[in-house]
Amino acid sequence: MLASSIFCGPVLNTVGLLELDVDPNATRIMVQDRLNGNIIYHGALLGEPMLKVLTPAKFSLDPALMVTIFDDGKNGAPPQFNAETVDRVQASLPGTGE
């Protein structure tokens, strides 16, 4: 199996890095291109307070991402919120912290 078949897109194209501090009540997260709505990442959160998402390089040059967290409820409890979105998010270059 080729490494690129594991990911949704070419491996060489993913060089931006988002490090997200996630609300403990959030159950899912979605990262989108704010200009066209394309989904960069969508997945369940597994209780970790930080999530790292690799993005295409262009998102480390401009704040063109939109990040939405969802609360679907946990362990039978009702949700604490529906969804929260932060707009104009910019990825950093891996290893730079910027």
PDB file of N, CA and C in Angstrom:
ATOM      1  N   MET A   1       0.843  -1.175   0.000  1.00  0.00           N
ATOM      2  CA  MET A   1       0.000   0.000   0.000  1.00  0.00           C
ATOM      3  C   MET A   1       0.886   1.235   0.000  1.00  0.00           C
ATOM      4  N   LEU A   2       0.618   2.166  -0.893  1.00  0.00           N
ATOM      5  CA  LEU A   2       1.366   3.411  -0.956  1.00  0.00           C
ATOM      6  C   LEU A   2       0.949   4.335   0.179  1.00  0.00           C
ATOM      7  N   ALA A   3       1.912   5.080   0.704  1.00  0.00           N
ATOM      8  CA  ALA A   3       1.608   5.993   1.809  1.00  0.00           C
ATOM      9  C   ALA A   3       0.557   7.024   1.416  1.00  0.00           C
ATOM     10  N   SER A   4       0.596   7.478   0.162  1.00  0.00           N
ATOM     11  CA  SER A   4      -0.365   8.507  -0.246  1.00  0.00           C
ATOM     12  C   SER A   4      -1.794   7.982  -0.300  1.00  0.00           C
ATOM     13  N   SER A   5      -1.971   6.663  -0.352  1.00  0.00           N
ATOM     14  CA  SER A   5      -3.328   6.125  -0.390  1.00  0.00           C
ATOM     15  C   SER A   5      -3.984   6.119   0.991  1.00  0.00           C
ATOM     16  N   ILE A   6      -3.202   6.341   2.035  1.00  0.00           N
ATOM     17  CA  ILE A   6      -3.735   6.384   3.391  1.00  0.00           C
ATOM     18  C   ILE A   6      -4.402   7.733   3.657  1.00  0.00           C
ATOM     19  N   PHE A   7      -3.892   8.772   3.046  1.00  0.00           N
ATOM     20  CA  PHE A   7      -4.377  10.128   3.271  1.00  0.00           C
ATOM     21  C   PHE A   7      -5.319  10.552   2.157  1.00  0.00           C
ATOM     22  N   CYS A   8      -6.108  11.564   2.416  1.00  0.00           N
ATOM     23  CA  CYS A   8      -7.026  12.109   1.407  1.00  0.00           C
ATOM     24  C   CYS A   8      -6.318  13.199   0.618  1.00  0.00           C
ATOM     25  N   GLY A   9      -5.386  12.834  -0.207  1.00  0.00           N
ATOM     26  CA  GLY A   9      -4.656  13.792  -1.028  1.00  0.00           C
ATOM     27  C   GLY A   9      -3.179  13.479  -1.020  1.00  0.00           C
ATOM     28  N   PRO A  10      -2.427  14.140  -1.870  1.00  0.00           N
ATOM     29  CA  PRO A  10      -0.991  13.882  -1.953  1.00  0.00           C
ATOM     30  C   PRO A  10      -0.275  14.260  -0.663  1.00  0.00           C
ATOM     31  N   VAL A  11       0.643  13.422  -0.223  1.00  0.00           N
ATOM     32  CA  VAL A  11       1.388  13.662   1.006  1.00  0.00           C
ATOM     33  C   VAL A  11       2.262  14.901   0.873  1.00  0.00           C
ATOM     34  N   LEU A  12       2.878  15.107  -0.282  1.00  0.00           N
ATOM     35  CA  LEU A  12       3.772  16.241  -0.470  1.00  0.00           C
ATOM     36  C   LEU A  12       3.046  17.579  -0.432  1.00  0.00           C
ATOM     37  N   ASN A  13       1.756  17.569  -0.579  1.00  0.00           N
ATOM     38  CA  ASN A  13       0.976  18.793  -0.616  1.00  0.00           C
ATOM     39  C   ASN A  13       0.551  19.258   0.779  1.00  0.00           C
ATOM     40  N   THR A  14       0.770  18.474   1.812  1.00  0.00           N
ATOM     41  CA  THR A  14       0.292  18.810   3.152  1.00  0.00           C
ATOM     42  C   THR A  14       1.442  19.306   4.018  1.00  0.00           C
ATOM     43  N   VAL A  15       1.664  20.618   4.026  1.00  0.00           N
ATOM     44  CA  VAL A  15       2.771  21.145   4.808  1.00  0.00           C
ATOM     45  C   VAL A  15       2.374  22.219   5.810  1.00  0.00           C
ATOM     46  N   GLY A  16       1.120  22.634   5.831  1.00  0.00           N
ATOM     47  CA  GLY A  16       0.662  23.543   6.870  1.00  0.00           C
ATOM     48  C   GLY A  16       0.263  22.731   8.095  1.00  0.00           C
ATOM     49  N   LEU A  17       0.350  23.326   9.268  1.00  0.00           N
ATOM     50  CA  LEU A  17       0.005  22.621  10.501  1.00  0.00           C
ATOM     51  C   LEU A  17      -0.908  23.494  11.353  1.00  0.00           C
ATOM     52  N   LEU A  18      -2.044  22.923  11.735  1.00  0.00           N
ATOM     53  CA  LEU A  18      -2.945  23.558  12.695  1.00  0.00           C
ATOM     54  C   LEU A  18      -2.801  22.819  14.014  1.00  0.00           C
ATOM     55  N   GLU A  19      -2.550  23.535  15.086  1.00  0.00           N
ATOM     56  CA  GLU A  19      -2.540  22.955  16.424  1.00  0.00           C
ATOM     57  C   GLU A  19      -3.709  23.593  17.164  1.00  0.00           C
ATOM     58  N   LEU A  20      -4.733  22.803  17.411  1.00  0.00           N
ATOM     59  CA  LEU A  20      -5.991  23.322  17.941  1.00  0.00           C
ATOM     60  C   LEU A  20      -6.199  22.896  19.388  1.00  0.00           C
ATOM     61  N   ASP A  21      -6.455  23.868  20.250  1.00  0.00           N
ATOM     62  CA  ASP A  21      -6.828  23.633  21.644  1.00  0.00           C
ATOM     63  C   ASP A  21      -8.344  23.452  21.644  1.00  0.00           C
ATOM     64  N   VAL A  22      -8.808  22.251  21.970  1.00  0.00           N
ATOM     65  CA  VAL A  22     -10.203  21.875  21.748  1.00  0.00           C
ATOM     66  C   VAL A  22     -11.011  21.896  23.046  1.00  0.00           C
ATOM     67  N   ASP A  23     -12.240  22.415  22.964  1.00  0.00           N
ATOM     68  CA  ASP A  23     -13.188  22.405  24.080  1.00  0.00           C
ATOM     69  C   ASP A  23     -13.407  20.957  24.533  1.00  0.00           C
ATOM     70  N   PRO A  24     -13.371  20.669  25.840  1.00  0.00           N
ATOM     71  CA  PRO A  24     -13.555  19.288  26.311  1.00  0.00           C
ATOM     72  C   PRO A  24     -14.930  18.704  25.993  1.00  0.00           C
ATOM     73  N   ASN A  25     -15.932  19.544  25.740  1.00  0.00           N
ATOM     74  CA  ASN A  25     -17.261  19.042  25.388  1.00  0.00           C
ATOM     75  C   ASN A  25     -17.409  18.727  23.903  1.00  0.00           C
ATOM     76  N   ALA A  26     -16.456  19.156  23.090  1.00  0.00           N
ATOM     77  CA  ALA A  26     -16.547  18.930  21.645  1.00  0.00           C
ATOM     78  C   ALA A  26     -16.380  17.447  21.328  1.00  0.00           C
ATOM     79  N   THR A  27     -17.165  16.973  20.363  1.00  0.00           N
ATOM     80  CA  THR A  27     -17.082  15.568  19.951  1.00  0.00           C
ATOM     81  C   THR A  27     -16.565  15.411  18.526  1.00  0.00           C
ATOM     82  N   ARG A  28     -16.720  16.446  17.708  1.00  0.00           N
ATOM     83  CA  ARG A  28     -16.234  16.423  16.322  1.00  0.00           C
ATOM     84  C   ARG A  28     -15.640  17.774  15.968  1.00  0.00           C
ATOM     85  N   ILE A  29     -14.785  17.763  14.952  1.00  0.00           N
ATOM     86  CA  ILE A  29     -14.204  19.013  14.462  1.00  0.00           C
ATOM     87  C   ILE A  29     -14.163  18.977  12.941  1.00  0.00           C
ATOM     88  N   MET A  30     -14.392  20.137  12.338  1.00  0.00           N
ATOM     89  CA  MET A  30     -14.323  20.244  10.885  1.00  0.00           C
ATOM     90  C   MET A  30     -13.506  21.485  10.531  1.00  0.00           C
ATOM     91  N   VAL A  31     -12.542  21.297   9.622  1.00  0.00           N
ATOM     92  CA  VAL A  31     -11.715  22.389   9.126  1.00  0.00           C
ATOM     93  C   VAL A  31     -12.039  22.555   7.649  1.00  0.00           C
ATOM     94  N   GLN A  32     -12.398  23.790   7.258  1.00  0.00           N
ATOM     95  CA  GLN A  32     -12.810  24.058   5.882  1.00  0.00           C
ATOM     96  C   GLN A  32     -12.033  25.215   5.273  1.00  0.00           C
ATOM     97  N   ASP A  33     -11.912  25.181   3.957  1.00  0.00           N
ATOM     98  CA  ASP A  33     -11.430  26.328   3.194  1.00  0.00           C
ATOM     99  C   ASP A  33     -12.558  27.360   3.227  1.00  0.00           C
ATOM    100  N   ARG A  34     -12.310  28.526   3.800  1.00  0.00           N
ATOM    101  CA  ARG A  34     -13.376  29.514   3.977  1.00  0.00           C
ATOM    102  C   ARG A  34     -13.824  30.142   2.666  1.00  0.00           C
ATOM    103  N   LEU A  35     -13.027  30.007   1.611  1.00  0.00           N
ATOM    104  CA  LEU A  35     -13.374  30.638   0.342  1.00  0.00           C
ATOM    105  C   LEU A  35     -14.334  29.809  -0.502  1.00  0.00           C
ATOM    106  N   ASN A  36     -14.284  28.469  -0.352  1.00  0.00           N
ATOM    107  CA  ASN A  36     -15.149  27.627  -1.189  1.00  0.00           C
ATOM    108  C   ASN A  36     -15.893  26.541  -0.412  1.00  0.00           C
ATOM    109  N   GLY A  37     -15.645  26.422   0.886  1.00  0.00           N
ATOM    110  CA  GLY A  37     -16.352  25.440   1.703  1.00  0.00           C
ATOM    111  C   GLY A  37     -15.798  24.032   1.640  1.00  0.00           C
ATOM    112  N   ASN A  38     -14.727  23.814   0.865  1.00  0.00           N
ATOM    113  CA  ASN A  38     -14.143  22.472   0.795  1.00  0.00           C
ATOM    114  C   ASN A  38     -13.666  22.026   2.173  1.00  0.00           C
ATOM    115  N   ILE A  39     -13.914  20.772   2.494  1.00  0.00           N
ATOM    116  CA  ILE A  39     -13.523  20.230   3.794  1.00  0.00           C
ATOM    117  C   ILE A  39     -12.079  19.756   3.727  1.00  0.00           C
ATOM    118  N   ILE A  40     -11.248  20.287   4.615  1.00  0.00           N
ATOM    119  CA  ILE A  40      -9.845  19.899   4.729  1.00  0.00           C
ATOM    120  C   ILE A  40      -9.721  18.726   5.698  1.00  0.00           C
ATOM    121  N   TYR A  41     -10.508  18.766   6.771  1.00  0.00           N
ATOM    122  CA  TYR A  41     -10.486  17.710   7.789  1.00  0.00           C
ATOM    123  C   TYR A  41     -11.851  17.668   8.460  1.00  0.00           C
ATOM    124  N   HIS A  42     -12.337  16.473   8.741  1.00  0.00           N
ATOM    125  CA  HIS A  42     -13.555  16.294   9.535  1.00  0.00           C
ATOM    126  C   HIS A  42     -13.409  14.973  10.264  1.00  0.00           C
ATOM    127  N   GLY A  43     -13.496  14.999  11.583  1.00  0.00           N
ATOM    128  CA  GLY A  43     -13.346  13.760  12.319  1.00  0.00           C
ATOM    129  C   GLY A  43     -13.776  13.888  13.764  1.00  0.00           C
ATOM    130  N   ALA A  44     -13.864  12.729  14.403  1.00  0.00           N
ATOM    131  CA  ALA A  44     -14.246  12.659  15.813  1.00  0.00           C
ATOM    132  C   ALA A  44     -13.061  13.040  16.689  1.00  0.00           C
ATOM    133  N   LEU A  45     -13.365  13.633  17.828  1.00  0.00           N
ATOM    134  CA  LEU A  45     -12.346  13.936  18.828  1.00  0.00           C
ATOM    135  C   LEU A  45     -12.356  12.823  19.859  1.00  0.00           C
ATOM    136  N   LEU A  46     -11.187  12.421  20.278  1.00  0.00           N
ATOM    137  CA  LEU A  46     -11.077  11.275  21.180  1.00  0.00           C
ATOM    138  C   LEU A  46     -10.707  11.680  22.597  1.00  0.00           C
ATOM    139  N   GLY A  47     -11.115  12.884  23.004  1.00  0.00           N
ATOM    140  CA  GLY A  47     -10.864  13.320  24.375  1.00  0.00           C
ATOM    141  C   GLY A  47      -9.523  13.988  24.587  1.00  0.00           C
ATOM    142  N   GLU A  48      -8.718  14.130  23.544  1.00  0.00           N
ATOM    143  CA  GLU A  48      -7.430  14.808  23.677  1.00  0.00           C
ATOM    144  C   GLU A  48      -7.658  16.323  23.680  1.00  0.00           C
ATOM    145  N   PRO A  49      -6.940  17.074  24.527  1.00  0.00           N
ATOM    146  CA  PRO A  49      -7.146  18.525  24.577  1.00  0.00           C
ATOM    147  C   PRO A  49      -6.557  19.273  23.377  1.00  0.00           C
ATOM    148  N   MET A  50      -5.610  18.657  22.672  1.00  0.00           N
ATOM    149  CA  MET A  50      -4.983  19.284  21.505  1.00  0.00           C
ATOM    150  C   MET A  50      -5.154  18.374  20.294  1.00  0.00           C
ATOM    151  N   LEU A  51      -5.383  18.979  19.148  1.00  0.00           N
ATOM    152  CA  LEU A  51      -5.501  18.236  17.896  1.00  0.00           C
ATOM    153  C   LEU A  51      -4.587  18.887  16.878  1.00  0.00           C
ATOM    154  N   LYS A  52      -3.810  18.071  16.172  1.00  0.00           N
ATOM    155  CA  LYS A  52      -2.945  18.570  15.104  1.00  0.00           C
ATOM    156  C   LYS A  52      -3.522  18.119  13.775  1.00  0.00           C
ATOM    157  N   VAL A  53      -3.657  19.070  12.844  1.00  0.00           N
ATOM    158  CA  VAL A  53      -4.209  18.802  11.519  1.00  0.00           C
ATOM    159  C   VAL A  53      -3.231  19.326  10.476  1.00  0.00           C
ATOM    160  N   LEU A  54      -2.833  18.467   9.539  1.00  0.00           N
ATOM    161  CA  LEU A  54      -1.999  18.894   8.422  1.00  0.00           C
ATOM    162  C   LEU A  54      -2.887  19.479   7.333  1.00  0.00           C
ATOM    163  N   THR A  55      -2.426  20.575   6.738  1.00  0.00           N
ATOM    164  CA  THR A  55      -3.194  21.258   5.697  1.00  0.00           C
ATOM    165  C   THR A  55      -2.308  21.488   4.474  1.00  0.00           C
ATOM    166  N   PRO A  56      -2.908  21.788   3.337  1.00  0.00           N
ATOM    167  CA  PRO A  56      -2.105  22.216   2.187  1.00  0.00           C
ATOM    168  C   PRO A  56      -1.318  23.490   2.524  1.00  0.00           C
ATOM    169  N   ALA A  57      -0.194  23.672   1.866  1.00  0.00           N
ATOM    170  CA  ALA A  57       0.726  24.777   2.155  1.00  0.00           C
ATOM    171  C   ALA A  57       0.073  26.145   2.065  1.00  0.00           C
ATOM    172  N   LYS A  58      -0.864  26.333   1.140  1.00  0.00           N
ATOM    173  CA  LYS A  58      -1.449  27.666   0.942  1.00  0.00           C
ATOM    174  C   LYS A  58      -2.120  28.211   2.198  1.00  0.00           C
ATOM    175  N   PHE A  59      -2.532  27.334   3.120  1.00  0.00           N
ATOM    176  CA  PHE A  59      -3.205  27.796   4.337  1.00  0.00           C
ATOM    177  C   PHE A  59      -2.223  28.290   5.397  1.00  0.00           C
ATOM    178  N   SER A  60      -0.904  28.123   5.155  1.00  0.00           N
ATOM    179  CA  SER A  60       0.086  28.706   6.060  1.00  0.00           C
ATOM    180  C   SER A  60       0.493  30.104   5.588  1.00  0.00           C
ATOM    181  N   LEU A  61      -0.011  30.514   4.415  1.00  0.00           N
ATOM    182  CA  LEU A  61       0.301  31.840   3.876  1.00  0.00           C
ATOM    183  C   LEU A  61      -0.795  32.861   4.148  1.00  0.00           C
ATOM    184  N   ASP A  62      -2.032  32.414   4.218  1.00  0.00           N
ATOM    185  CA  ASP A  62      -3.179  33.303   4.421  1.00  0.00           C
ATOM    186  C   ASP A  62      -4.149  32.702   5.433  1.00  0.00           C
ATOM    187  N   PRO A  63      -4.844  33.546   6.197  1.00  0.00           N
ATOM    188  CA  PRO A  63      -5.858  33.036   7.131  1.00  0.00           C
ATOM    189  C   PRO A  63      -7.143  32.688   6.379  1.00  0.00           C
ATOM    190  N   ALA A  64      -7.125  31.555   5.693  1.00  0.00           N
ATOM    191  CA  ALA A  64      -8.242  31.178   4.814  1.00  0.00           C
ATOM    192  C   ALA A  64      -8.943  29.905   5.277  1.00  0.00           C
ATOM    193  N   LEU A  65      -8.833  29.591   6.571  1.00  0.00           N
ATOM    194  CA  LEU A  65      -9.505  28.409   7.107  1.00  0.00           C
ATOM    195  C   LEU A  65     -10.634  28.812   8.045  1.00  0.00           C
ATOM    196  N   MET A  66     -11.591  27.921   8.165  1.00  0.00           N
ATOM    197  CA  MET A  66     -12.705  28.072   9.095  1.00  0.00           C
ATOM    198  C   MET A  66     -12.755  26.768   9.901  1.00  0.00           C
ATOM    199  N   VAL A  67     -12.756  26.871  11.223  1.00  0.00           N
ATOM    200  CA  VAL A  67     -12.750  25.698  12.098  1.00  0.00           C
ATOM    201  C   VAL A  67     -14.054  25.670  12.892  1.00  0.00           C
ATOM    202  N   THR A  68     -14.759  24.541  12.828  1.00  0.00           N
ATOM    203  CA  THR A  68     -16.018  24.372  13.557  1.00  0.00           C
ATOM    204  C   THR A  68     -15.900  23.173  14.486  1.00  0.00           C
ATOM    205  N   ILE A  69     -16.287  23.365  15.756  1.00  0.00           N
ATOM    206  CA  ILE A  69     -16.374  22.241  16.684  1.00  0.00           C
ATOM    207  C   ILE A  69     -17.848  21.954  16.940  1.00  0.00           C
ATOM    208  N   PHE A  70     -18.154  20.676  17.093  1.00  0.00           N
ATOM    209  CA  PHE A  70     -19.525  20.220  17.315  1.00  0.00           C
ATOM    210  C   PHE A  70     -19.598  19.485  18.642  1.00  0.00           C
ATOM    211  N   ASP A  71     -20.722  19.615  19.329  1.00  0.00           N
ATOM    212  CA  ASP A  71     -20.993  18.851  20.544  1.00  0.00           C
ATOM    213  C   ASP A  71     -22.216  17.985  20.276  1.00  0.00           C
ATOM    214  N   ASP A  72     -21.991  16.692  20.093  1.00  0.00           N
ATOM    215  CA  ASP A  72     -23.081  15.745  19.842  1.00  0.00           C
ATOM    216  C   ASP A  72     -23.571  15.094  21.132  1.00  0.00           C
ATOM    217  N   GLY A  73     -23.026  15.519  22.277  1.00  0.00           N
ATOM    218  CA  GLY A  73     -23.349  14.887  23.554  1.00  0.00           C
ATOM    219  C   GLY A  73     -22.417  13.706  23.786  1.00  0.00           C
ATOM    220  N   LYS A  74     -22.144  13.426  25.038  1.00  0.00           N
ATOM    221  CA  LYS A  74     -21.241  12.322  25.390  1.00  0.00           C
ATOM    222  C   LYS A  74     -21.889  11.435  26.431  1.00  0.00           C
ATOM    223  N   ASN A  75     -21.702  10.139  26.283  1.00  0.00           N
ATOM    224  CA  ASN A  75     -22.166   9.153  27.263  1.00  0.00           C
ATOM    225  C   ASN A  75     -23.637   9.344  27.626  1.00  0.00           C
ATOM    226  N   GLY A  76     -24.456   9.640  26.632  1.00  0.00           N
ATOM    227  CA  GLY A  76     -25.885   9.805  26.867  1.00  0.00           C
ATOM    228  C   GLY A  76     -26.296  11.167  27.390  1.00  0.00           C
ATOM    229  N   ALA A  77     -25.322  12.021  27.694  1.00  0.00           N
ATOM    230  CA  ALA A  77     -25.632  13.370  28.190  1.00  0.00           C
ATOM    231  C   ALA A  77     -26.010  14.271  27.018  1.00  0.00           C
ATOM    232  N   PRO A  78     -26.876  15.242  27.257  1.00  0.00           N
ATOM    233  CA  PRO A  78     -27.235  16.162  26.173  1.00  0.00           C
ATOM    234  C   PRO A  78     -26.055  17.079  25.832  1.00  0.00           C
ATOM    235  N   PRO A  79     -26.033  17.616  24.635  1.00  0.00           N
ATOM    236  CA  PRO A  79     -24.955  18.534  24.251  1.00  0.00           C
ATOM    237  C   PRO A  79     -24.948  19.791  25.122  1.00  0.00           C
ATOM    238  N   GLN A  80     -23.751  20.325  25.365  1.00  0.00           N
ATOM    239  CA  GLN A  80     -23.600  21.587  26.091  1.00  0.00           C
ATOM    240  C   GLN A  80     -23.730  22.778  25.138  1.00  0.00           C
ATOM    241  N   PHE A  81     -23.444  22.531  23.852  1.00  0.00           N
ATOM    242  CA  PHE A  81     -23.600  23.550  22.808  1.00  0.00           C
ATOM    243  C   PHE A  81     -23.839  22.814  21.499  1.00  0.00           C
ATOM    244  N   ASN A  82     -24.270  23.506  20.471  1.00  0.00           N
ATOM    245  CA  ASN A  82     -24.485  22.876  19.168  1.00  0.00           C
ATOM    246  C   ASN A  82     -23.195  22.866  18.368  1.00  0.00           C
ATOM    247  N   ALA A  83     -22.750  24.031  17.957  1.00  0.00           N
ATOM    248  CA  ALA A  83     -21.517  24.170  17.187  1.00  0.00           C
ATOM    249  C   ALA A  83     -20.952  25.567  17.413  1.00  0.00           C
ATOM    250  N   GLU A  84     -19.644  25.675  17.318  1.00  0.00           N
ATOM    251  CA  GLU A  84     -18.954  26.962  17.418  1.00  0.00           C
ATOM    252  C   GLU A  84     -17.961  27.032  16.270  1.00  0.00           C
ATOM    253  N   THR A  85     -17.909  28.183  15.601  1.00  0.00           N
ATOM    254  CA  THR A  85     -17.023  28.349  14.450  1.00  0.00           C
ATOM    255  C   THR A  85     -16.078  29.521  14.670  1.00  0.00           C
ATOM    256  N   VAL A  86     -14.817  29.315  14.290  1.00  0.00           N
ATOM    257  CA  VAL A  86     -13.825  30.383  14.269  1.00  0.00           C
ATOM    258  C   VAL A  86     -13.409  30.549  12.813  1.00  0.00           C
ATOM    259  N   ASP A  87     -13.487  31.779  12.328  1.00  0.00           N
ATOM    260  CA  ASP A  87     -13.190  32.075  10.932  1.00  0.00           C
ATOM    261  C   ASP A  87     -11.829  32.755  10.821  1.00  0.00           C
ATOM    262  N   ARG A  88     -11.251  32.697   9.624  1.00  0.00           N
ATOM    263  CA  ARG A  88      -9.969  33.329   9.296  1.00  0.00           C
ATOM    264  C   ARG A  88      -8.836  32.764  10.142  1.00  0.00           C
ATOM    265  N   VAL A  89      -8.725  31.451  10.171  1.00  0.00           N
ATOM    266  CA  VAL A  89      -7.667  30.741  10.887  1.00  0.00           C
ATOM    267  C   VAL A  89      -6.534  30.466   9.904  1.00  0.00           C
ATOM    268  N   GLN A  90      -5.296  30.592  10.379  1.00  0.00           N
ATOM    269  CA  GLN A  90      -4.126  30.353   9.532  1.00  0.00           C
ATOM    270  C   GLN A  90      -3.289  29.236  10.123  1.00  0.00           C
ATOM    271  N   ALA A  91      -2.868  28.310   9.275  1.00  0.00           N
ATOM    272  CA  ALA A  91      -1.975  27.228   9.696  1.00  0.00           C
ATOM    273  C   ALA A  91      -0.556  27.783   9.837  1.00  0.00           C
ATOM    274  N   SER A  92       0.279  27.058  10.564  1.00  0.00           N
ATOM    275  CA  SER A  92       1.684  27.440  10.680  1.00  0.00           C
ATOM    276  C   SER A  92       2.519  26.499   9.820  1.00  0.00           C
ATOM    277  N   LEU A  93       3.777  26.841   9.652  1.00  0.00           N
ATOM    278  CA  LEU A  93       4.699  25.940   8.975  1.00  0.00           C
ATOM    279  C   LEU A  93       5.229  24.971  10.022  1.00  0.00           C
ATOM    280  N   PRO A  94       5.181  23.655   9.767  1.00  0.00           N
ATOM    281  CA  PRO A  94       5.652  22.691  10.763  1.00  0.00           C
ATOM    282  C   PRO A  94       7.081  22.999  11.199  1.00  0.00           C
ATOM    283  N   GLY A  95       7.303  22.942  12.504  1.00  0.00           N
ATOM    284  CA  GLY A  95       8.630  23.171  13.053  1.00  0.00           C
ATOM    285  C   GLY A  95       8.939  24.622  13.364  1.00  0.00           C
ATOM    286  N   THR A  96       8.065  25.552  12.967  1.00  0.00           N
ATOM    287  CA  THR A  96       8.341  26.967  13.226  1.00  0.00           C
ATOM    288  C   THR A  96       7.532  27.508  14.390  1.00  0.00           C
ATOM    289  N   GLY A  97       6.366  26.909  14.669  1.00  0.00           N
ATOM    290  CA  GLY A  97       5.509  27.388  15.735  1.00  0.00           C
ATOM    291  C   GLY A  97       4.854  28.719  15.420  1.00  0.00           C
ATOM    292  N   GLU A  98       4.949  29.152  14.184  1.00  0.00           N
ATOM    293  CA  GLU A  98       4.351  30.442  13.792  1.00  0.00           C
ATOM    294  C   GLU A  98       3.172  30.235  12.888  1.00  0.00           C
TER     295      GLU A  98
END
